[in-house]
Amino acid sequence: MSISAPKAKFIGAEAFLPKKRTLPVLQEAARSCRGCDLYLNATQSVFGEGPTSARLVFIGEQPGNEEDKQGHPFVGPAGRILDRALEEAGIDRSDVYVTNAVKHFRFEERGKRRIHKKPSAAEVDACEPWLEAEVRLLKPEIVVCLGATAAQSLLGSKFRLTKERGKPLDHPWARVVATVHPSAILRAPDETGRHEEYARFVADLKKIRGMLHV
């Protein structure tokens, strides 16, 4: 049974960030984050992973069911789509850093299943200090936002993925490019639709690879 948190303004993650900031230290500190109410029901926080030398940082919306159980980002069905697409696009998966705008899994229970539920704008805002700390440490060339929630967390609520998909945009942290989340491919209504969406996603990744400085 889910636990309901008191209806109060979230204090945000800033209060939980350590003074010393390395990726391992941030990851450990995030385990104790109480910046919003999502920690109440999630199994654990799921921090980003990848090399400190990553030139590309991929940001999704939030951990899914498998990520929540395993404690690692992009290890579920959407992660497998991402891995395959990166390979086809000529991007070495071991050279990228993957993370999420929100570090805890938000879901609703349907019987024995836990169904993904979009995080609220307040939850995304509360978690932003973790994301900013990650990206500022990494100093990537390009940040790739996977899906509208991730894109809006950096580019504002007026950002529209349908209009700005694949376009490099300026941001204080790095150049930002938005494309769909791999889970959107899985939600396509039929096999033809999934094939078309996947091909378009790979094309986006190839374009992003071409934006990197040689």
Protein backbone atom coordinates (compact mmCIF):
# COMPACT_ATOMS: atom_id res chain seq x y z
CA MET A 1 0.00 0.00 0.00
CA SER A 2 1.31 3.44 -0.90
CA ILE A 3 2.12 5.93 1.83
CA SER A 4 0.70 9.41 1.46
CA ALA A 5 2.93 12.30 2.37
CA PRO A 6 1.56 15.43 4.06
CA LYS A 7 0.50 18.07 1.57
CA ALA A 8 3.37 20.47 2.05
CA LYS A 9 5.74 22.40 -0.13
CA PHE A 10 8.75 20.26 -1.03
CA ILE A 11 11.98 21.46 0.52
CA GLY A 12 13.93 20.31 -2.54
CA ALA A 13 17.19 18.46 -2.92
CA GLU A 14 19.51 21.41 -2.33
CA ALA A 15 19.54 20.79 1.42
CA PHE A 16 20.81 17.24 0.85
CA LEU A 17 23.68 18.03 -1.50
CA PRO A 18 27.11 17.51 0.04
CA LYS A 19 29.72 20.26 0.10
CA LYS A 20 32.27 17.93 -1.49
CA ARG A 21 30.96 17.02 -4.91
CA THR A 22 32.21 14.06 -6.87
CA LEU A 23 29.90 11.65 -8.66
CA PRO A 24 30.36 8.83 -6.10
CA VAL A 25 29.76 11.27 -3.22
CA LEU A 26 26.65 12.66 -4.89
CA GLN A 27 25.33 9.17 -5.58
CA GLU A 28 25.72 8.20 -1.94
CA ALA A 29 24.15 11.43 -0.70
CA ALA A 30 21.14 10.98 -2.99
CA ARG A 31 20.23 7.82 -1.12
CA SER A 32 19.21 9.97 1.84
CA CYS A 33 17.34 12.64 -0.14
CA ARG A 34 13.99 13.67 1.29
CA GLY A 35 13.55 16.67 -0.97
CA CYS A 36 10.13 15.52 -2.18
CA ASP A 37 7.71 12.73 -1.24
CA LEU A 38 8.75 10.21 -3.91
CA TYR A 39 11.25 8.55 -1.57
CA LEU A 40 8.36 7.28 0.55
CA ASN A 41 7.29 4.58 -1.92
CA ALA A 42 10.33 4.03 -4.14
CA THR A 43 12.67 1.16 -3.35
CA GLN A 44 15.73 3.38 -3.63
CA SER A 45 17.15 6.41 -5.39
CA VAL A 46 18.61 5.74 -8.82
CA PHE A 47 21.49 8.03 -9.65
CA GLY A 48 23.23 8.52 -12.97
CA GLU A 49 26.04 6.29 -14.20
CA GLY A 50 28.84 6.58 -16.71
CA PRO A 51 32.39 7.85 -17.11
CA THR A 52 33.48 11.26 -15.84
CA SER A 53 34.91 11.86 -19.32
CA ALA A 54 31.52 11.47 -21.01
CA ARG A 55 30.98 13.91 -23.87
CA LEU A 56 27.30 13.00 -24.07
CA VAL A 57 24.88 12.99 -21.15
CA PHE A 58 21.47 11.39 -21.71
CA ILE A 59 18.68 12.50 -19.39
CA GLY A 60 15.42 10.59 -19.10
CA GLU A 61 12.33 11.34 -17.06
CA GLN A 62 12.67 9.03 -14.05
CA PRO A 63 13.67 5.47 -13.14
CA GLY A 64 11.24 2.76 -14.18
CA ASN A 65 10.20 -0.39 -12.37
CA GLU A 66 13.35 -2.35 -13.22
CA GLU A 67 15.61 0.59 -12.44
CA ASP A 68 13.91 1.05 -9.07
CA LYS A 69 14.51 -2.60 -8.22
CA GLN A 70 18.10 -2.81 -9.47
CA GLY A 71 19.30 0.67 -8.53
CA HIS A 72 20.77 1.43 -11.96
CA PRO A 73 19.49 3.75 -14.74
CA PHE A 74 18.21 2.48 -18.10
CA VAL A 75 18.36 -1.25 -17.35
CA GLY A 76 14.74 -2.01 -18.26
CA PRO A 77 13.03 -2.37 -21.67
CA ALA A 78 13.59 1.29 -22.61
CA GLY A 79 17.25 0.96 -21.66
CA ARG A 80 17.65 -1.99 -23.99
CA ILE A 81 16.15 0.08 -26.83
CA LEU A 82 18.60 2.88 -26.02
CA ASP A 83 21.58 0.50 -25.98
CA ARG A 84 20.64 -0.93 -29.37
CA ALA A 85 20.02 2.50 -30.90
CA LEU A 86 23.32 3.87 -29.61
CA GLU A 87 25.16 0.96 -31.18
CA GLU A 88 23.42 1.48 -34.53
CA ALA A 89 24.17 5.20 -34.37
CA GLY A 90 27.87 4.53 -33.82
CA ILE A 91 27.92 5.86 -30.25
CA ASP A 92 29.85 3.77 -27.71
CA ARG A 93 27.49 3.13 -24.79
CA SER A 94 30.44 2.95 -22.39
CA ASP A 95 31.36 6.53 -23.32
CA VAL A 96 28.04 8.12 -22.35
CA TYR A 97 26.55 9.09 -19.00
CA VAL A 98 22.89 8.28 -18.40
CA THR A 99 20.68 9.74 -15.72
CA ASN A 100 17.15 11.00 -15.05
CA ALA A 101 15.53 14.31 -14.18
CA VAL A 102 13.94 12.61 -11.15
CA LYS A 103 15.86 10.10 -9.06
CA HIS A 104 12.96 8.13 -7.53
CA PHE A 105 10.33 6.02 -9.29
CA ARG A 106 6.82 7.51 -9.26
CA PHE A 107 4.14 4.92 -9.86
CA GLU A 108 0.62 3.76 -9.11
CA GLU A 109 -0.25 0.23 -8.08
CA ARG A 110 -2.59 -1.86 -10.21
CA GLY A 111 -2.89 -5.21 -8.58
CA LYS A 112 0.64 -6.56 -8.31
CA ARG A 113 1.96 -4.25 -11.01
CA ARG A 114 3.56 -0.86 -10.50
CA ILE A 115 2.64 1.42 -13.39
CA HIS A 116 4.76 4.44 -14.30
CA LYS A 117 3.20 7.76 -13.40
CA LYS A 118 4.58 11.04 -14.71
CA PRO A 119 6.31 13.07 -12.01
CA SER A 120 4.77 16.43 -11.19
CA ALA A 121 6.45 19.70 -12.07
CA ALA A 122 7.06 20.26 -8.34
CA GLU A 123 8.84 16.90 -8.05
CA VAL A 124 10.99 17.64 -11.09
CA ASP A 125 11.90 21.05 -9.67
CA ALA A 126 12.70 19.55 -6.26
CA CYS A 127 15.13 17.09 -7.84
CA GLU A 128 16.87 19.55 -10.18
CA PRO A 129 19.85 20.25 -7.84
CA TRP A 130 21.01 16.64 -8.25
CA LEU A 131 20.83 16.90 -12.03
CA GLU A 132 22.62 20.23 -12.13
CA ALA A 133 25.37 18.93 -9.85
CA GLU A 134 25.88 15.89 -12.10
CA VAL A 135 26.05 17.84 -15.34
CA ARG A 136 28.27 20.61 -13.99
CA LEU A 137 30.76 18.01 -12.75
CA LEU A 138 30.76 16.18 -16.08
CA LYS A 139 30.96 19.26 -18.34
CA PRO A 140 29.70 17.35 -21.41
CA GLU A 141 29.66 18.74 -24.92
CA ILE A 142 26.01 17.84 -25.39
CA VAL A 143 23.11 16.99 -23.10
CA VAL A 144 20.48 14.82 -24.77
CA CYS A 145 17.02 15.08 -23.24
CA LEU A 146 14.96 11.95 -23.78
CA GLY A 147 11.30 12.92 -23.79
CA ALA A 148 9.30 16.03 -22.94
CA THR A 149 9.67 15.87 -19.16
CA ALA A 150 13.46 15.79 -19.32
CA ALA A 151 13.51 18.55 -21.95
CA GLN A 152 11.16 20.80 -20.01
CA SER A 153 13.21 20.28 -16.83
CA LEU A 154 16.07 22.11 -18.59
CA LEU A 155 14.34 24.26 -21.20
CA GLY A 156 11.15 25.29 -19.44
CA SER A 157 7.50 24.30 -19.54
CA LYS A 158 6.88 26.03 -22.88
CA PHE A 159 9.32 23.74 -24.70
CA ARG A 160 7.56 21.55 -27.26
CA LEU A 161 9.34 18.40 -28.36
CA THR A 162 7.25 18.13 -31.51
CA LYS A 163 8.59 21.50 -32.71
CA GLU A 164 12.16 21.45 -31.40
CA ARG A 165 13.13 17.80 -31.71
CA GLY A 166 16.71 17.33 -32.84
CA LYS A 167 17.63 21.02 -32.74
CA PRO A 168 20.72 22.05 -30.73
CA LEU A 169 19.80 24.72 -28.18
CA ASP A 170 21.94 26.83 -25.91
CA HIS A 171 21.83 26.22 -22.16
CA PRO A 172 24.16 27.31 -19.32
CA TRP A 173 25.15 23.69 -18.68
CA ALA A 174 25.87 22.61 -22.27
CA ARG A 175 24.31 22.43 -25.71
CA VAL A 176 21.00 20.64 -25.34
CA VAL A 177 19.26 18.45 -27.91
CA ALA A 178 15.90 16.78 -27.29
CA THR A 179 14.47 13.64 -28.81
CA VAL A 180 11.90 11.06 -27.76
CA HIS A 181 12.30 8.76 -24.80
CA PRO A 182 12.90 5.13 -25.89
CA SER A 183 9.75 4.14 -24.01
CA ALA A 184 7.75 6.09 -26.61
CA ILE A 185 8.96 3.61 -29.22
CA LEU A 186 7.64 0.74 -27.12
CA ARG A 187 4.26 2.48 -26.87
CA ALA A 188 3.79 2.72 -30.65
CA PRO A 189 0.51 1.03 -31.59
CA ASP A 190 1.91 -1.64 -33.90
CA GLU A 191 5.11 -3.18 -35.24
CA THR A 192 5.22 -0.83 -38.24
CA GLY A 193 4.90 2.18 -35.97
CA ARG A 194 7.61 0.90 -33.64
CA HIS A 195 9.95 0.30 -36.57
CA GLU A 196 9.36 3.82 -37.92
CA GLU A 197 9.80 5.47 -34.52
CA TYR A 198 12.96 3.49 -33.82
CA ALA A 199 14.47 4.43 -37.20
CA ARG A 200 13.74 8.09 -36.51
CA PHE A 201 15.30 7.80 -33.05
CA VAL A 202 18.48 6.27 -34.48
CA ALA A 203 18.59 9.08 -37.05
CA ASP A 204 18.40 11.62 -34.21
CA LEU A 205 21.30 9.92 -32.44
CA LYS A 206 23.41 9.90 -35.60
CA LYS A 207 22.76 13.61 -35.99
CA ILE A 208 23.80 14.19 -32.37
CA ARG A 209 26.97 12.17 -32.89
CA GLY A 210 27.77 14.47 -35.81
CA MET A 211 27.50 17.51 -33.54
CA LEU A 212 30.40 16.37 -31.36
CA HIS A 213 33.72 18.06 -31.90
CA VAL A 214 36.19 15.76 -33.63
